[in-house]
Amino acid sequence: VVPVQEGTVDGYYRQPNEPVASLGHINYPILSGWNGGTVVWEERQASEWQYRFMAANGAWTWNVRRGAGEARSVIDVNDLQFLKTVYALMPSLQPPWQYQCDWTPSA
């Protein structure tokens, strides 16, 4: 998937003679199951793949565990640590982009 995105001109996929395009986007689970299980990614590989995909003007979303009930907007602490590690290993892109791993909801 990453090499295909890197092969696009501007991050978009187009059909010949069609006026619309679709942005390359990945939505990968971090875990062995969609919303549960154990982390299956090695941080360096995750960082490299995400960096390469985004450097090719694509969008990347990680599926993470969240709490239940009133805590449903809170990312699981282990998944949050994984994201922080992945982002810390990632070289910066130009123009800079922003991660929001340290954001906490207001009371």
N, C-alpha and C. Protein backbone atom coordinates (compact mmCIF):
# COMPACT_ATOMS: atom_id res chain seq x y z
N VAL A 1 0.82 -1.19 0.00
CA VAL A 1 0.00 0.00 0.00
C VAL A 1 0.87 1.26 0.00
N VAL A 2 1.92 1.28 0.78
CA VAL A 2 2.77 2.46 0.85
C VAL A 2 3.41 2.77 -0.51
N PRO A 3 4.00 1.80 -1.21
CA PRO A 3 4.57 2.11 -2.53
C PRO A 3 3.53 2.61 -3.53
N VAL A 4 2.30 2.14 -3.44
CA VAL A 4 1.25 2.62 -4.34
C VAL A 4 0.98 4.10 -4.08
N GLN A 5 0.88 4.48 -2.81
CA GLN A 5 0.68 5.89 -2.47
C GLN A 5 1.86 6.74 -2.94
N GLU A 6 3.06 6.21 -2.75
CA GLU A 6 4.25 6.95 -3.18
C GLU A 6 4.28 7.13 -4.70
N GLY A 7 3.55 6.29 -5.43
CA GLY A 7 3.51 6.39 -6.88
C GLY A 7 2.51 7.41 -7.40
N THR A 8 1.71 8.02 -6.49
CA THR A 8 0.76 9.03 -6.96
C THR A 8 1.48 10.35 -7.18
N VAL A 9 0.90 11.18 -8.02
CA VAL A 9 1.50 12.49 -8.31
C VAL A 9 1.34 13.44 -7.13
N ASP A 10 0.15 13.42 -6.51
CA ASP A 10 -0.14 14.38 -5.46
C ASP A 10 -0.89 13.79 -4.26
N GLY A 11 -0.91 12.45 -4.14
CA GLY A 11 -1.61 11.80 -3.04
C GLY A 11 -3.03 11.37 -3.38
N TYR A 12 -3.51 11.76 -4.57
CA TYR A 12 -4.88 11.44 -4.97
C TYR A 12 -4.89 10.34 -6.03
N TYR A 13 -5.95 9.55 -5.99
CA TYR A 13 -6.17 8.50 -6.98
C TYR A 13 -7.25 8.98 -7.95
N ARG A 14 -6.97 8.84 -9.22
CA ARG A 14 -7.89 9.31 -10.25
C ARG A 14 -8.17 8.21 -11.27
N GLN A 15 -9.36 8.25 -11.83
CA GLN A 15 -9.71 7.39 -12.95
C GLN A 15 -9.55 8.22 -14.22
N PRO A 16 -9.07 7.62 -15.29
CA PRO A 16 -8.93 8.37 -16.54
C PRO A 16 -10.26 9.00 -16.97
N ASN A 17 -10.18 10.23 -17.37
CA ASN A 17 -11.34 10.97 -17.90
C ASN A 17 -12.45 11.20 -16.87
N GLU A 18 -12.13 11.14 -15.60
CA GLU A 18 -13.11 11.41 -14.54
C GLU A 18 -12.71 12.70 -13.82
N PRO A 19 -13.68 13.56 -13.48
CA PRO A 19 -13.35 14.85 -12.85
C PRO A 19 -13.10 14.77 -11.34
N VAL A 20 -13.31 13.61 -10.72
CA VAL A 20 -13.16 13.49 -9.28
C VAL A 20 -11.91 12.68 -8.94
N ALA A 21 -11.44 12.85 -7.71
CA ALA A 21 -10.27 12.12 -7.23
C ALA A 21 -10.52 11.69 -5.79
N SER A 22 -9.77 10.72 -5.35
CA SER A 22 -9.90 10.21 -3.99
C SER A 22 -8.54 10.27 -3.30
N LEU A 23 -8.49 10.90 -2.13
CA LEU A 23 -7.25 11.00 -1.37
C LEU A 23 -6.87 9.63 -0.83
N GLY A 24 -5.61 9.27 -0.97
CA GLY A 24 -5.12 8.03 -0.38
C GLY A 24 -5.22 8.09 1.13
N HIS A 25 -5.85 7.09 1.74
CA HIS A 25 -6.07 7.08 3.19
C HIS A 25 -5.96 5.66 3.71
N ILE A 26 -5.30 5.52 4.84
CA ILE A 26 -5.14 4.23 5.52
C ILE A 26 -5.79 4.34 6.89
N ASN A 27 -6.48 3.30 7.30
CA ASN A 27 -7.03 3.20 8.65
C ASN A 27 -6.62 1.84 9.20
N TYR A 28 -5.46 1.81 9.87
CA TYR A 28 -4.91 0.55 10.39
C TYR A 28 -5.25 0.37 11.86
N PRO A 29 -5.55 -0.86 12.25
CA PRO A 29 -5.67 -1.14 13.68
C PRO A 29 -4.26 -1.29 14.29
N ILE A 30 -4.12 -0.86 15.51
CA ILE A 30 -2.87 -1.04 16.25
C ILE A 30 -2.80 -2.46 16.81
N LEU A 31 -3.97 -3.02 17.07
CA LEU A 31 -4.07 -4.26 17.83
C LEU A 31 -4.35 -5.48 16.95
N SER A 32 -4.27 -6.64 17.55
CA SER A 32 -4.56 -7.89 16.84
C SER A 32 -6.03 -8.01 16.46
N GLY A 33 -6.90 -7.31 17.16
CA GLY A 33 -8.32 -7.23 16.82
C GLY A 33 -8.68 -5.79 16.56
N TRP A 34 -9.86 -5.56 16.00
CA TRP A 34 -10.20 -4.19 15.62
C TRP A 34 -10.26 -3.25 16.82
N ASN A 35 -10.84 -3.65 17.92
CA ASN A 35 -10.90 -2.78 19.10
C ASN A 35 -10.43 -3.49 20.36
N GLY A 36 -9.55 -4.45 20.20
CA GLY A 36 -9.04 -5.17 21.35
C GLY A 36 -7.89 -6.08 20.94
N GLY A 37 -7.28 -6.68 21.92
CA GLY A 37 -6.15 -7.57 21.66
C GLY A 37 -4.85 -6.95 22.09
N THR A 38 -3.79 -7.38 21.46
CA THR A 38 -2.46 -6.88 21.80
C THR A 38 -1.88 -6.08 20.63
N VAL A 39 -0.96 -5.20 20.94
CA VAL A 39 -0.31 -4.39 19.91
C VAL A 39 0.51 -5.32 19.02
N VAL A 40 0.30 -5.24 17.72
CA VAL A 40 0.97 -6.12 16.78
C VAL A 40 2.04 -5.41 15.95
N TRP A 41 2.13 -4.11 16.05
CA TRP A 41 3.10 -3.35 15.27
C TRP A 41 4.42 -3.20 16.02
N GLU A 42 5.48 -3.22 15.27
CA GLU A 42 6.79 -2.81 15.79
C GLU A 42 6.86 -1.31 15.55
N GLU A 43 7.24 -0.54 16.56
CA GLU A 43 7.15 0.92 16.48
C GLU A 43 7.93 1.52 15.31
N ARG A 44 9.13 1.01 15.04
CA ARG A 44 9.93 1.57 13.94
C ARG A 44 9.26 1.34 12.59
N GLN A 45 8.69 0.15 12.39
CA GLN A 45 8.01 -0.11 11.13
C GLN A 45 6.78 0.78 11.00
N ALA A 46 6.01 0.91 12.07
CA ALA A 46 4.82 1.76 12.04
C ALA A 46 5.20 3.21 11.72
N SER A 47 6.26 3.68 12.34
CA SER A 47 6.71 5.05 12.11
C SER A 47 7.16 5.25 10.67
N GLU A 48 7.93 4.31 10.15
CA GLU A 48 8.41 4.42 8.77
C GLU A 48 7.26 4.40 7.78
N TRP A 49 6.35 3.47 7.94
CA TRP A 49 5.24 3.36 6.99
C TRP A 49 4.35 4.59 7.05
N GLN A 50 4.03 5.06 8.26
CA GLN A 50 3.18 6.24 8.36
C GLN A 50 3.88 7.46 7.76
N TYR A 51 5.14 7.62 8.07
CA TYR A 51 5.90 8.75 7.52
C TYR A 51 5.90 8.72 5.99
N ARG A 52 6.21 7.57 5.44
CA ARG A 52 6.27 7.46 3.97
C ARG A 52 4.92 7.75 3.33
N PHE A 53 3.85 7.21 3.93
CA PHE A 53 2.52 7.41 3.37
C PHE A 53 2.13 8.89 3.43
N MET A 54 2.41 9.53 4.55
CA MET A 54 2.04 10.94 4.69
C MET A 54 2.97 11.85 3.89
N ALA A 55 4.22 11.46 3.74
CA ALA A 55 5.13 12.24 2.90
C ALA A 55 4.68 12.22 1.45
N ALA A 56 3.92 11.18 1.09
CA ALA A 56 3.35 11.08 -0.26
C ALA A 56 1.95 11.71 -0.30
N ASN A 57 1.68 12.62 0.63
CA ASN A 57 0.44 13.39 0.70
C ASN A 57 -0.80 12.55 0.98
N GLY A 58 -0.63 11.42 1.65
CA GLY A 58 -1.76 10.60 2.05
C GLY A 58 -2.19 10.91 3.47
N ALA A 59 -3.29 10.32 3.89
CA ALA A 59 -3.81 10.48 5.25
C ALA A 59 -3.73 9.13 5.96
N TRP A 60 -3.41 9.15 7.24
CA TRP A 60 -3.21 7.93 8.02
C TRP A 60 -4.00 8.04 9.31
N THR A 61 -4.78 7.02 9.63
CA THR A 61 -5.54 6.96 10.88
C THR A 61 -5.23 5.64 11.57
N TRP A 62 -4.95 5.71 12.87
CA TRP A 62 -4.76 4.51 13.67
C TRP A 62 -6.06 4.21 14.40
N ASN A 63 -6.49 2.95 14.39
CA ASN A 63 -7.62 2.50 15.18
C ASN A 63 -7.08 2.15 16.56
N VAL A 64 -7.56 2.83 17.59
CA VAL A 64 -7.09 2.61 18.96
C VAL A 64 -8.25 2.22 19.86
N ARG A 65 -7.91 1.59 20.98
CA ARG A 65 -8.93 1.27 21.99
C ARG A 65 -9.36 2.57 22.68
N ARG A 66 -10.62 2.61 23.02
CA ARG A 66 -11.14 3.74 23.79
C ARG A 66 -11.90 3.20 24.98
N GLY A 67 -12.13 4.07 25.93
CA GLY A 67 -12.88 3.69 27.11
C GLY A 67 -14.35 3.48 26.79
N ALA A 68 -15.11 3.17 27.80
CA ALA A 68 -16.55 2.96 27.64
C ALA A 68 -17.31 4.00 28.45
N GLY A 69 -18.58 4.16 28.15
CA GLY A 69 -19.41 5.10 28.90
C GLY A 69 -18.89 6.52 28.78
N GLU A 70 -18.76 7.20 29.91
CA GLU A 70 -18.29 8.58 29.90
C GLU A 70 -16.82 8.70 29.50
N ALA A 71 -16.08 7.62 29.57
CA ALA A 71 -14.66 7.63 29.21
C ALA A 71 -14.44 7.20 27.76
N ARG A 72 -15.50 7.15 26.95
CA ARG A 72 -15.38 6.64 25.58
C ARG A 72 -14.50 7.50 24.68
N SER A 73 -14.27 8.74 25.07
CA SER A 73 -13.40 9.59 24.25
C SER A 73 -11.94 9.51 24.68
N VAL A 74 -11.62 8.69 25.68
CA VAL A 74 -10.26 8.57 26.19
C VAL A 74 -9.56 7.40 25.52
N ILE A 75 -8.40 7.66 24.95
CA ILE A 75 -7.60 6.62 24.31
C ILE A 75 -6.93 5.77 25.38
N ASP A 76 -6.92 4.47 25.18
CA ASP A 76 -6.25 3.55 26.09
C ASP A 76 -4.81 3.99 26.30
N VAL A 77 -4.34 3.94 27.54
CA VAL A 77 -3.01 4.44 27.88
C VAL A 77 -1.91 3.71 27.11
N ASN A 78 -2.05 2.40 26.90
CA ASN A 78 -1.03 1.65 26.16
C ASN A 78 -1.01 2.04 24.68
N ASP A 79 -2.19 2.25 24.12
CA ASP A 79 -2.26 2.68 22.72
C ASP A 79 -1.72 4.09 22.56
N LEU A 80 -1.99 4.96 23.53
CA LEU A 80 -1.47 6.32 23.48
C LEU A 80 0.05 6.31 23.54
N GLN A 81 0.62 5.45 24.39
CA GLN A 81 2.08 5.35 24.47
C GLN A 81 2.66 4.85 23.15
N PHE A 82 2.00 3.89 22.52
CA PHE A 82 2.43 3.42 21.20
C PHE A 82 2.47 4.58 20.22
N LEU A 83 1.40 5.37 20.16
CA LEU A 83 1.35 6.51 19.23
C LEU A 83 2.47 7.51 19.52
N LYS A 84 2.69 7.81 20.78
CA LYS A 84 3.76 8.76 21.14
C LYS A 84 5.12 8.23 20.69
N THR A 85 5.36 6.94 20.85
CA THR A 85 6.63 6.35 20.43
C THR A 85 6.77 6.42 18.91
N VAL A 86 5.71 6.06 18.19
CA VAL A 86 5.72 6.10 16.73
C VAL A 86 6.02 7.52 16.25
N TYR A 87 5.35 8.51 16.82
CA TYR A 87 5.54 9.89 16.38
C TYR A 87 6.92 10.42 16.75
N ALA A 88 7.46 9.98 17.89
CA ALA A 88 8.80 10.42 18.29
C ALA A 88 9.87 9.88 17.34
N LEU A 89 9.64 8.70 16.77
CA LEU A 89 10.60 8.10 15.84
C LEU A 89 10.50 8.69 14.44
N MET A 90 9.41 9.37 14.15
CA MET A 90 9.14 9.86 12.81
C MET A 90 9.91 11.15 12.53
N PRO A 91 10.61 11.19 11.38
CA PRO A 91 11.23 12.47 11.01
C PRO A 91 10.15 13.50 10.70
N SER A 92 10.52 14.76 10.79
CA SER A 92 9.51 15.79 10.52
C SER A 92 9.29 15.93 9.02
N LEU A 93 8.10 16.35 8.67
CA LEU A 93 7.75 16.63 7.28
C LEU A 93 7.70 18.14 7.09
N GLN A 94 7.91 18.57 5.88
CA GLN A 94 7.75 19.98 5.55
C GLN A 94 6.55 20.14 4.66
N PRO A 95 5.58 20.96 4.95
CA PRO A 95 5.50 21.77 6.16
C PRO A 95 5.21 20.91 7.39
N PRO A 96 5.51 21.43 8.56
CA PRO A 96 5.30 20.62 9.77
C PRO A 96 3.83 20.24 9.93
N TRP A 97 3.60 19.13 10.56
CA TRP A 97 2.26 18.68 10.85
C TRP A 97 2.16 18.48 12.34
N GLN A 98 0.99 18.33 12.84
CA GLN A 98 0.77 18.32 14.27
C GLN A 98 0.12 17.03 14.72
N TYR A 99 0.60 16.52 15.85
CA TYR A 99 -0.02 15.38 16.51
C TYR A 99 -0.70 15.90 17.75
N GLN A 100 -1.76 15.25 18.19
CA GLN A 100 -2.46 15.74 19.35
C GLN A 100 -2.50 14.70 20.47
N CYS A 101 -1.43 13.96 20.64
CA CYS A 101 -1.41 12.90 21.66
C CYS A 101 -1.45 13.43 23.07
N ASP A 102 -1.03 14.67 23.28
CA ASP A 102 -1.01 15.21 24.64
C ASP A 102 -2.28 15.96 24.98
N TRP A 103 -3.22 16.01 24.03
CA TRP A 103 -4.47 16.71 24.27
C TRP A 103 -5.28 15.96 25.29
N THR A 104 -5.86 16.67 26.23
CA THR A 104 -6.77 16.05 27.19
C THR A 104 -8.08 16.81 27.18
N PRO A 105 -9.20 16.11 27.28
CA PRO A 105 -10.49 16.80 27.25
C PRO A 105 -10.67 17.70 28.46
N SER A 106 -11.40 18.78 28.25
CA SER A 106 -11.69 19.69 29.38
C SER A 106 -12.76 19.05 30.27
N ALA A 107 -12.74 19.43 31.51
CA ALA A 107 -13.69 18.86 32.49
C ALA A 107 -15.08 19.39 32.28
